[in-house]
C-alpha atoms as a PDB file:
ATOM      1  CA  MET A   1      23.334 -38.610   9.001  1.00  0.00           C
ATOM      2  CA  SER A   2      25.439 -35.068   7.888  1.00  0.00           C
ATOM      3  CA  ASP A   3      27.553 -33.343   9.441  1.00  0.00           C
ATOM      4  CA  SER A   4      24.476 -30.345  10.306  1.00  0.00           C
ATOM      5  CA  GLY A   5      22.053 -33.631  11.858  1.00  0.00           C
ATOM      6  CA  SER A   6      24.926 -34.822  14.209  1.00  0.00           C
ATOM      7  CA  ILE A   7      26.200 -30.815  15.402  1.00  0.00           C
ATOM      8  CA  THR A   8      22.489 -30.630  15.502  1.00  0.00           C
ATOM      9  CA  ALA A   9      22.109 -33.691  17.695  1.00  0.00           C
ATOM     10  CA  LEU A  10      24.783 -32.945  19.662  1.00  0.00           C
ATOM     11  CA  ARG A  11      23.378 -29.534  21.209  1.00  0.00           C
ATOM     12  CA  ARG A  12      20.194 -30.435  21.819  1.00  0.00           C
ATOM     13  CA  ALA A  13      21.935 -33.724  24.181  1.00  0.00           C
ATOM     14  CA  ALA A  14      24.552 -31.844  25.674  1.00  0.00           C
ATOM     15  CA  LYS A  15      21.184 -29.160  26.686  1.00  0.00           C
ATOM     16  CA  ARG A  16      19.245 -32.326  28.616  1.00  0.00           C
ATOM     17  CA  ILE A  17      22.237 -32.730  30.005  1.00  0.00           C
ATOM     18  CA  VAL A  18      23.654 -29.361  31.354  1.00  0.00           C
ATOM     19  CA  ARG A  19      19.792 -28.979  32.153  1.00  0.00           C
ATOM     20  CA  SER A  20      19.536 -32.115  34.009  1.00  0.00           C
ATOM     21  CA  ASP A  21      19.910 -31.672  38.119  1.00  0.00           C
ATOM     22  CA  ARG A  22      21.487 -35.082  37.764  1.00  0.00           C
ATOM     23  CA  PHE A  23      23.547 -34.128  35.532  1.00  0.00           C
ATOM     24  CA  ARG A  24      24.716 -30.172  37.181  1.00  0.00           C
ATOM     25  CA  TRP A  25      28.165 -30.169  37.590  1.00  0.00           C
ATOM     26  CA  LEU A  26      29.395 -30.647  34.532  1.00  0.00           C
ATOM     27  CA  SER A  27      28.139 -27.991  32.549  1.00  0.00           C
ATOM     28  CA  ALA A  28      30.719 -25.241  34.061  1.00  0.00           C
ATOM     29  CA  PRO A  29      33.036 -26.975  32.436  1.00  0.00           C
ATOM     30  CA  ALA A  30      31.408 -28.736  29.338  1.00  0.00           C
ATOM     31  CA  ARG A  31      31.243 -25.668  28.698  1.00  0.00           C
ATOM     32  CA  ARG A  32      34.219 -24.202  29.048  1.00  0.00           C
ATOM     33  CA  VAL A  33      35.349 -27.208  26.783  1.00  0.00           C
ATOM     34  CA  TRP A  34      32.856 -25.828  23.551  1.00  0.00           C
ATOM     35  CA  TYR A  35      34.297 -21.971  24.060  1.00  0.00           C
ATOM     36  CA  TYR A  36      37.619 -22.743  24.066  1.00  0.00           C
ATOM     37  CA  TRP A  37      36.314 -25.123  20.825  1.00  0.00           C
ATOM     38  CA  ARG A  38      35.353 -22.133  19.244  1.00  0.00           C
ATOM     39  CA  THR A  39      37.483 -20.099  20.100  1.00  0.00           C
ATOM     40  CA  VAL A  40      40.217 -21.696  18.435  1.00  0.00           C
ATOM     41  CA  GLY A  41      38.592 -22.571  15.462  1.00  0.00           C
ATOM     42  CA  GLU A  42      37.569 -18.168  15.394  1.00  0.00           C
ATOM     43  CA  LEU A  43      40.900 -16.950  16.293  1.00  0.00           C
ATOM     44  CA  LYS A  44      41.683 -17.283  11.897  1.00  0.00           C
ATOM     45  CA  ASN A  45      39.443 -14.959  10.620  1.00  0.00           C
ATOM     46  CA  VAL A  46      39.944 -12.229  12.755  1.00  0.00           C
ATOM     47  CA  PRO A  47      42.407 -10.126  10.880  1.00  0.00           C
ATOM     48  CA  LEU A  48      39.981 -11.123   8.299  1.00  0.00           C
ATOM     49  CA  VAL A  49      37.328  -9.300   9.672  1.00  0.00           C
ATOM     50  CA  LEU A  50      38.845  -6.767  10.680  1.00  0.00           C
ATOM     51  CA  SER A  51      40.606  -6.090   7.032  1.00  0.00           C
ATOM     52  CA  ALA A  52      36.666  -6.247   5.783  1.00  0.00           C
ATOM     53  CA  LEU A  53      35.058  -3.695   8.770  1.00  0.00           C
ATOM     54  CA  SER A  54      38.134  -1.456   8.014  1.00  0.00           C
ATOM     55  CA  GLY A  55      37.023  -0.721   4.313  1.00  0.00           C
ATOM     56  CA  ASP A  56      33.811  -0.339   3.116  1.00  0.00           C
ATOM     57  CA  MET A  57      32.223  -3.295   4.072  1.00  0.00           C
ATOM     58  CA  ARG A  58      28.810  -1.318   6.454  1.00  0.00           C
ATOM     59  CA  GLN A  59      28.135   1.002   2.970  1.00  0.00           C
ATOM     60  CA  ARG A  60      27.043  -2.272   1.145  1.00  0.00           C
ATOM     61  CA  THR A  61      22.585  -2.873   0.836  1.00  0.00           C
ATOM     62  CA  PRO A  62      21.659  -5.972   3.326  1.00  0.00           C
ATOM     63  CA  ALA A  63      21.327  -7.988   0.744  1.00  0.00           C
ATOM     64  CA  GLU A  64      25.106  -7.716   0.017  1.00  0.00           C
ATOM     65  CA  LEU A  65      25.601  -7.219   3.859  1.00  0.00           C
ATOM     66  CA  ILE A  66      24.037 -10.637   4.887  1.00  0.00           C
ATOM     67  CA  ASP A  67      25.743 -12.538   2.178  1.00  0.00           C
ATOM     68  CA  LEU A  68      28.496 -11.497   3.569  1.00  0.00           C
ATOM     69  CA  ILE A  69      28.069 -12.350   6.433  1.00  0.00           C
ATOM     70  CA  PHE A  70      26.728 -15.360   5.840  1.00  0.00           C
ATOM     71  CA  ILE A  71      29.581 -16.662   4.009  1.00  0.00           C
ATOM     72  CA  ARG A  72      32.914 -15.196   4.430  1.00  0.00           C
ATOM     73  CA  PHE A  73      35.277 -16.022   8.104  1.00  0.00           C
ATOM     74  CA  ASP A  74      34.747 -19.369   8.371  1.00  0.00           C
ATOM     75  CA  GLY A  75      30.710 -18.870   9.453  1.00  0.00           C
ATOM     76  CA  MET A  76      31.902 -16.573  12.664  1.00  0.00           C
ATOM     77  CA  LEU A  77      29.083 -14.471  12.553  1.00  0.00           C
ATOM     78  CA  ARG A  78      26.947 -16.574  10.873  1.00  0.00           C
ATOM     79  CA  PRO A  79      23.980 -15.378  12.529  1.00  0.00           C
ATOM     80  CA  PHE A  80      21.169 -18.628  12.783  1.00  0.00           C
ATOM     81  CA  GLN A  81      18.424 -17.286  10.961  1.00  0.00           C
ATOM     82  CA  ASN A  82      17.033 -18.297   7.110  1.00  0.00           C
ATOM     83  CA  LYS A  83      18.832 -16.281   5.381  1.00  0.00           C
ATOM     84  CA  HIS A  84      15.585 -14.673   3.025  1.00  0.00           C
ATOM     85  CA  GLU A  85      13.905 -13.682   6.332  1.00  0.00           C
ATOM     86  CA  LEU A  86      17.006 -12.505   8.176  1.00  0.00           C
ATOM     87  CA  GLN A  87      16.943  -9.631   5.426  1.00  0.00           C
ATOM     88  CA  ARG A  88      13.697  -8.694   5.055  1.00  0.00           C
ATOM     89  CA  PHE A  89      13.440  -8.283   8.599  1.00  0.00           C
ATOM     90  CA  ILE A  90      16.843  -6.044   8.371  1.00  0.00           C
ATOM     91  CA  GLU A  91      14.795  -4.421   5.146  1.00  0.00           C
ATOM     92  CA  ARG A  92      11.874  -3.737   7.381  1.00  0.00           C
ATOM     93  CA  VAL A  93      14.265  -2.217  10.276  1.00  0.00           C
ATOM     94  CA  ALA A  94      16.222   0.274   7.636  1.00  0.00           C
ATOM     95  CA  ALA A  95      12.960   1.823   6.721  1.00  0.00           C
ATOM     96  CA  ILE A  96      12.247   3.258  10.556  1.00  0.00           C
ATOM     97  CA  LYS A  97      16.328   4.148  10.726  1.00  0.00           C
ATOM     98  CA  PRO A  98      15.988   3.931  14.497  1.00  0.00           C
ATOM     99  CA  LYS A  99      17.962   5.297  17.292  1.00  0.00           C
ATOM    100  CA  THR A 100      18.322   2.854  19.955  1.00  0.00           C
ATOM    101  CA  VAL A 101      18.171  -0.809  19.366  1.00  0.00           C
ATOM    102  CA  VAL A 102      18.194  -3.497  22.078  1.00  0.00           C
ATOM    103  CA  GLU A 103      19.461  -7.257  21.486  1.00  0.00           C
ATOM    104  CA  ILE A 104      18.774  -9.665  23.538  1.00  0.00           C
ATOM    105  CA  GLY A 105      20.611 -13.021  22.431  1.00  0.00           C
ATOM    106  CA  THR A 106      24.644 -11.667  20.616  1.00  0.00           C
ATOM    107  CA  ALA A 107      26.058 -14.999  19.938  1.00  0.00           C
ATOM    108  CA  ARG A 108      27.877 -14.658  16.926  1.00  0.00           C
ATOM    109  CA  GLY A 109      27.490 -10.968  16.766  1.00  0.00           C
ATOM    110  CA  GLY A 110      26.066 -10.861  12.908  1.00  0.00           C
ATOM    111  CA  SER A 111      22.013 -10.002  13.143  1.00  0.00           C
ATOM    112  CA  LEU A 112      24.358  -6.870  15.789  1.00  0.00           C
ATOM    113  CA  PHE A 113      26.506  -6.034  12.818  1.00  0.00           C
ATOM    114  CA  LEU A 114      23.723  -6.146  10.344  1.00  0.00           C
ATOM    115  CA  LEU A 115      21.360  -3.707  12.995  1.00  0.00           C
ATOM    116  CA  SER A 116      24.501  -1.106  13.028  1.00  0.00           C
ATOM    117  CA  CYS A 117      24.859  -1.148   9.692  1.00  0.00           C
ATOM    118  CA  VAL A 118      21.055   0.516   9.048  1.00  0.00           C
ATOM    119  CA  SER A 119      20.327   2.070  11.771  1.00  0.00           C
ATOM    120  CA  ASP A 120      20.650   6.181  12.531  1.00  0.00           C
ATOM    121  CA  PRO A 121      24.138   6.906  12.238  1.00  0.00           C
ATOM    122  CA  ASN A 122      23.868   8.646  15.882  1.00  0.00           C
ATOM    123  CA  ALA A 123      22.281   5.061  16.588  1.00  0.00           C
ATOM    124  CA  ARG A 124      22.709   3.890  20.922  1.00  0.00           C
ATOM    125  CA  LEU A 125      22.506   0.369  20.710  1.00  0.00           C
ATOM    126  CA  VAL A 126      22.615  -2.484  23.579  1.00  0.00           C
ATOM    127  CA  SER A 127      23.260  -6.536  23.469  1.00  0.00           C
ATOM    128  CA  ILE A 128      22.533  -8.562  25.864  1.00  0.00           C
ATOM    129  CA  ASP A 129      23.714 -11.967  25.958  1.00  0.00           C
ATOM    130  CA  LEU A 130      24.476 -15.347  28.711  1.00  0.00           C
ATOM    131  CA  PRO A 131      28.053 -15.923  28.980  1.00  0.00           C
ATOM    132  CA  ALA A 132      27.780 -19.640  27.841  1.00  0.00           C
ATOM    133  CA  GLY A 133      23.774 -19.829  26.894  1.00  0.00           C
ATOM    134  CA  LEU A 134      22.120 -22.878  25.636  1.00  0.00           C
ATOM    135  CA  TYR A 135      21.050 -21.021  22.339  1.00  0.00           C
ATOM    136  CA  GLY A 136      24.136 -20.447  20.842  1.00  0.00           C
ATOM    137  CA  GLY A 137      25.055 -17.375  22.722  1.00  0.00           C
ATOM    138  CA  GLY A 138      27.756 -16.579  25.358  1.00  0.00           C
ATOM    139  CA  TYR A 139      30.602 -15.277  23.055  1.00  0.00           C
ATOM    140  CA  PRO A 140      33.677 -14.905  24.420  1.00  0.00           C
ATOM    141  CA  ALA A 141      34.959 -11.588  25.993  1.00  0.00           C
ATOM    142  CA  TRP A 142      37.383 -11.487  23.985  1.00  0.00           C
ATOM    143  CA  LYS A 143      35.424 -10.816  20.964  1.00  0.00           C
ATOM    144  CA  GLY A 144      33.852  -7.189  22.524  1.00  0.00           C
ATOM    145  CA  PHE A 145      36.887  -6.102  20.639  1.00  0.00           C
ATOM    146  CA  ILE A 146      35.351  -7.271  17.771  1.00  0.00           C
ATOM    147  CA  PHE A 147      31.464  -6.184  18.753  1.00  0.00           C
ATOM    148  CA  ARG A 148      32.701  -2.751  19.401  1.00  0.00           C
ATOM    149  CA  ARG A 149      34.063  -2.637  16.021  1.00  0.00           C
ATOM    150  CA  PHE A 150      31.001  -3.001  13.929  1.00  0.00           C
ATOM    151  CA  VAL A 151      29.301  -0.278  14.653  1.00  0.00           C
ATOM    152  CA  GLY A 152      29.237   3.253  12.966  1.00  0.00           C
ATOM    153  CA  ARG A 153      31.926   6.135  14.800  1.00  0.00           C
ATOM    154  CA  SER A 154      28.928   8.598  15.980  1.00  0.00           C
ATOM    155  CA  GLN A 155      27.189   5.269  17.531  1.00  0.00           C
ATOM    156  CA  THR A 156      27.555   3.829  20.649  1.00  0.00           C
ATOM    157  CA  LEU A 157      27.158   0.216  21.616  1.00  0.00           C
ATOM    158  CA  HIS A 158      26.863  -1.321  25.054  1.00  0.00           C
ATOM    159  CA  LEU A 159      27.401  -4.546  25.713  1.00  0.00           C
ATOM    160  CA  ILE A 160      25.921  -6.623  28.687  1.00  0.00           C
ATOM    161  CA  ARG A 161      27.341 -10.237  29.300  1.00  0.00           C
ATOM    162  CA  GLY A 162      24.978 -11.612  32.232  1.00  0.00           C
ATOM    163  CA  ASP A 163      21.453 -12.939  32.312  1.00  0.00           C
ATOM    164  CA  SER A 164      18.305 -10.351  30.515  1.00  0.00           C
ATOM    165  CA  HIS A 165      15.680 -12.252  33.779  1.00  0.00           C
ATOM    166  CA  LYS A 166      18.119 -10.813  35.979  1.00  0.00           C
ATOM    167  CA  GLU A 167      17.386  -7.360  37.471  1.00  0.00           C
ATOM    168  CA  ALA A 168      20.409  -6.181  37.265  1.00  0.00           C
ATOM    169  CA  THR A 169      21.045  -7.030  34.397  1.00  0.00           C
ATOM    170  CA  PHE A 170      17.393  -4.470  33.450  1.00  0.00           C
ATOM    171  CA  ASP A 171      18.749  -2.057  35.516  1.00  0.00           C
ATOM    172  CA  LYS A 172      21.745  -2.308  33.078  1.00  0.00           C
ATOM    173  CA  THR A 173      20.406  -2.087  30.243  1.00  0.00           C
ATOM    174  CA  VAL A 174      18.441   1.548  31.360  1.00  0.00           C
ATOM    175  CA  ASN A 175      21.637   2.409  32.629  1.00  0.00           C
ATOM    176  CA  ALA A 176      22.679   2.120  29.009  1.00  0.00           C
ATOM    177  CA  LEU A 177      19.493   3.806  27.407  1.00  0.00           C
ATOM    178  CA  ASN A 178      19.760   7.075  29.314  1.00  0.00           C
ATOM    179  CA  ASP A 179      16.913   8.088  29.351  1.00  0.00           C
ATOM    180  CA  SER A 180      15.790   7.040  25.316  1.00  0.00           C
ATOM    181  CA  PRO A 181      12.977   5.464  24.265  1.00  0.00           C
ATOM    182  CA  VAL A 182      13.915   1.164  22.102  1.00  0.00           C
ATOM    183  CA  ASP A 183      12.808   2.001  18.592  1.00  0.00           C
ATOM    184  CA  VAL A 184      13.972  -1.925  18.388  1.00  0.00           C
ATOM    185  CA  LEU A 185      13.698  -4.367  20.457  1.00  0.00           C
ATOM    186  CA  PHE A 186      14.908  -7.604  19.077  1.00  0.00           C
ATOM    187  CA  ILE A 187      14.374 -10.866  21.321  1.00  0.00           C
ATOM    188  CA  ASP A 188      16.369 -13.666  20.106  1.00  0.00           C
ATOM    189  CA  GLY A 189      18.035 -14.739  23.467  1.00  0.00           C
ATOM    190  CA  ASP A 190      16.150 -17.788  25.741  1.00  0.00           C
ATOM    191  CA  HIS A 191      14.283 -19.742  22.889  1.00  0.00           C
ATOM    192  CA  SER A 192      11.956 -21.342  26.045  1.00  0.00           C
ATOM    193  CA  TYR A 193       8.230 -20.150  26.092  1.00  0.00           C
ATOM    194  CA  GLU A 194       8.688 -18.933  30.416  1.00  0.00           C
ATOM    195  CA  GLY A 195      12.325 -17.205  29.851  1.00  0.00           C
ATOM    196  CA  VAL A 196      10.630 -16.070  26.658  1.00  0.00           C
ATOM    197  CA  LYS A 197       7.652 -14.281  27.913  1.00  0.00           C
ATOM    198  CA  LYS A 198       9.847 -12.924  30.810  1.00  0.00           C
ATOM    199  CA  ASP A 199      11.747 -10.557  28.225  1.00  0.00           C
ATOM    200  CA  TYR A 200       8.909 -10.013  26.637  1.00  0.00           C
ATOM    201  CA  LEU A 201       6.952  -8.573  29.255  1.00  0.00           C
ATOM    202  CA  ARG A 202       9.870  -6.895  31.446  1.00  0.00           C
ATOM    203  CA  TYR A 203      11.570  -5.198  27.987  1.00  0.00           C
ATOM    204  CA  ARG A 204       8.592  -4.094  25.951  1.00  0.00           C
ATOM    205  CA  THR A 205       8.149  -1.682  29.169  1.00  0.00           C
ATOM    206  CA  LEU A 206      11.032   0.446  27.737  1.00  0.00           C
ATOM    207  CA  VAL A 207      10.352   0.128  24.038  1.00  0.00           C
ATOM    208  CA  ARG A 208       8.451   3.453  22.160  1.00  0.00           C
ATOM    209  CA  PRO A 209       4.315   3.556  21.437  1.00  0.00           C
ATOM    210  CA  GLY A 210       5.027   2.497  17.197  1.00  0.00           C
ATOM    211  CA  GLY A 211       8.336   0.679  18.299  1.00  0.00           C
ATOM    212  CA  LEU A 212       8.806  -2.431  17.042  1.00  0.00           C
ATOM    213  CA  ILE A 213       9.373  -5.562  19.316  1.00  0.00           C
ATOM    214  CA  VAL A 214      10.598  -9.476  17.285  1.00  0.00           C
ATOM    215  CA  PHE A 215      11.177 -12.084  18.411  1.00  0.00           C
ATOM    216  CA  HIS A 216      12.787 -14.943  15.867  1.00  0.00           C
ATOM    217  CA  ASP A 217      11.601 -18.343  16.307  1.00  0.00           C
ATOM    218  CA  ILE A 218       8.065 -18.043  16.667  1.00  0.00           C
ATOM    219  CA  LEU A 219       7.596 -21.275  14.059  1.00  0.00           C
ATOM    220  CA  GLU A 220       6.894 -25.357  15.873  1.00  0.00           C
ATOM    221  CA  SER A 221      10.740 -26.467  15.850  1.00  0.00           C
ATOM    222  CA  LYS A 222      11.000 -29.638  14.771  1.00  0.00           C
ATOM    223  CA  ILE A 223      14.350 -29.468  15.055  1.00  0.00           C
ATOM    224  CA  ASP A 224      14.966 -28.759  18.574  1.00  0.00           C
ATOM    225  CA  LYS A 225      11.764 -29.142  21.479  1.00  0.00           C
ATOM    226  CA  ASP A 226      13.162 -27.277  23.422  1.00  0.00           C
ATOM    227  CA  ILE A 227      12.759 -24.058  21.561  1.00  0.00           C
ATOM    228  CA  THR A 228       9.034 -23.112  22.478  1.00  0.00           C
ATOM    229  CA  VAL A 229       8.697 -19.502  21.407  1.00  0.00           C
ATOM    230  CA  ALA A 230       5.627 -20.169  18.782  1.00  0.00           C
ATOM    231  CA  PRO A 231       2.921 -21.033  21.958  1.00  0.00           C
ATOM    232  CA  LEU A 232       3.644 -17.066  23.152  1.00  0.00           C
ATOM    233  CA  TRP A 233       3.946 -15.790  19.022  1.00  0.00           C
ATOM    234  CA  ARG A 234       0.159 -17.069  18.644  1.00  0.00           C
ATOM    235  CA  GLU A 235      -0.757 -15.438  21.856  1.00  0.00           C
ATOM    236  CA  ILE A 236       0.612 -12.188  21.185  1.00  0.00           C
ATOM    237  CA  ALA A 237      -1.026 -11.934  17.757  1.00  0.00           C
ATOM    238  CA  HIS A 238      -3.527 -12.950  18.439  1.00  0.00           C
ATOM    239  CA  ASP A 239      -4.449  -9.689  20.878  1.00  0.00           C
ATOM    240  CA  TYR A 240      -2.207  -7.091  18.849  1.00  0.00           C
ATOM    241  CA  HIS A 241      -0.841  -5.926  15.272  1.00  0.00           C
ATOM    242  CA  THR A 242       2.097  -7.989  14.713  1.00  0.00           C
ATOM    243  CA  GLU A 243       3.842  -9.052  10.823  1.00  0.00           C
ATOM    244  CA  GLU A 244       5.167 -11.652   9.722  1.00  0.00           C
ATOM    245  CA  ILE A 245       8.610 -12.648   8.271  1.00  0.00           C
ATOM    246  CA  VAL A 246       8.294 -16.267   7.131  1.00  0.00           C
ATOM    247  CA  ASP A 247      10.522 -18.507   4.156  1.00  0.00           C
ATOM    248  CA  SER A 248       7.346 -21.249   4.395  1.00  0.00           C
ATOM    249  CA  TYR A 249       5.640 -22.388   7.404  1.00  0.00           C
ATOM    250  CA  ASP A 250       6.624 -25.766   6.197  1.00  0.00           C
ATOM    251  CA  GLN A 251      10.703 -25.478   6.547  1.00  0.00           C
ATOM    252  CA  GLY A 252       9.812 -26.527  10.117  1.00  0.00           C
ATOM    253  CA  GLN A 253      12.456 -23.760  12.085  1.00  0.00           C
ATOM    254  CA  PHE A 254      13.131 -19.988  12.575  1.00  0.00           C
ATOM    255  CA  GLY A 255      10.416 -17.918  11.535  1.00  0.00           C
ATOM    256  CA  ILE A 256      10.228 -13.600  12.692  1.00  0.00           C
ATOM    257  CA  GLY A 257       7.585 -11.940  14.435  1.00  0.00           C
ATOM    258  CA  ILE A 258       7.179  -8.016  14.255  1.00  0.00           C
ATOM    259  CA  LEU A 259       5.194  -6.334  17.420  1.00  0.00           C
ATOM    260  CA  THR A 260       4.382  -2.619  17.018  1.00  0.00           C
ATOM    261  CA  ALA A 261       3.841  -1.244  20.644  1.00  0.00           C
ATOM    262  CA  PRO A 262       0.285   0.262  20.650  1.00  0.00           C
ATOM    263  CA  GLN A 263       0.165   3.621  22.247  1.00  0.00           C
ATOM    264  CA  SER A 264      -1.729   1.815  25.337  1.00  0.00           C
ATOM    265  CA  TRP A 265       0.798   0.107  26.782  1.00  0.00           C
ATOM    266  CA  GLU A 266       2.275   4.053  26.950  1.00  0.00           C
ATOM    267  CA  ASN A 267      -1.466   5.058  29.108  1.00  0.00           C
ATOM    268  CA  ARG A 268      -1.371   2.708  31.040  1.00  0.00           C
ATOM    269  CA  LYS A 269       2.162   3.797  32.081  1.00  0.00           C
ATOM    270  CA  ALA A 270       0.987   7.221  33.089  1.00  0.00           C
ATOM    271  CA  ASN A 271      -2.172   6.222  34.074  1.00  0.00           C
ATOM    272  CA  ALA A 272       0.104   4.009  36.633  1.00  0.00           C
ATOM    273  CA  ALA A 273       2.233   6.497  37.647  1.00  0.00           C
END
């Protein structure tokens, strides 16, 4: 088995243990060990990241930026995504220059950095992440210092560390938006059917008509059976106008789905009011 295959198998085993009632007492210490192990490996790259951010890094094309975060810094910022799909997604976002972006699932921060680079120079960005999340998220608090240097000088970034399913987290998001309608909502946190559906139904209320609601991992996963976004995506794609960004339908993981928020949602909210 390759190193990447071994790591994937280990992650899957860890998820099963953490979710099991029998081993629930292991959850907190296991996640703390993961935090510390990852932090030791990443701290050595902090000076390199800060140096790159102080230069002209943000001025590069989406393709150049993606190459950079996939190749440099020992993967510290590398997203859990297909590189070609990510580029097409970022180019799609760049075409509308969003003024307000909400991301659920900060993880390593790579997608947050890319979104900030292609958003409006005065954009407001909100990124939500669950500490010790099961799907690659849960960045340590010290990384917030790095993430805050991702954004442009006139952009605003709000980092919310909490469970996106909790009412308190949603309220923090609403407060951070300050009545600004969301142009791009990127859902990439909880990857279970139930979890993604909760995020979708709750946070879509913040998206303007014509805004983009973006889902990651819309393909059936052959790598991790706990990733069950695909069934929800099929339901959504059946009911609404959607786009799919997929490198290959045989790849067995990843895939990005884009839903354009319909005007009917706004009409429904107005009638309810």
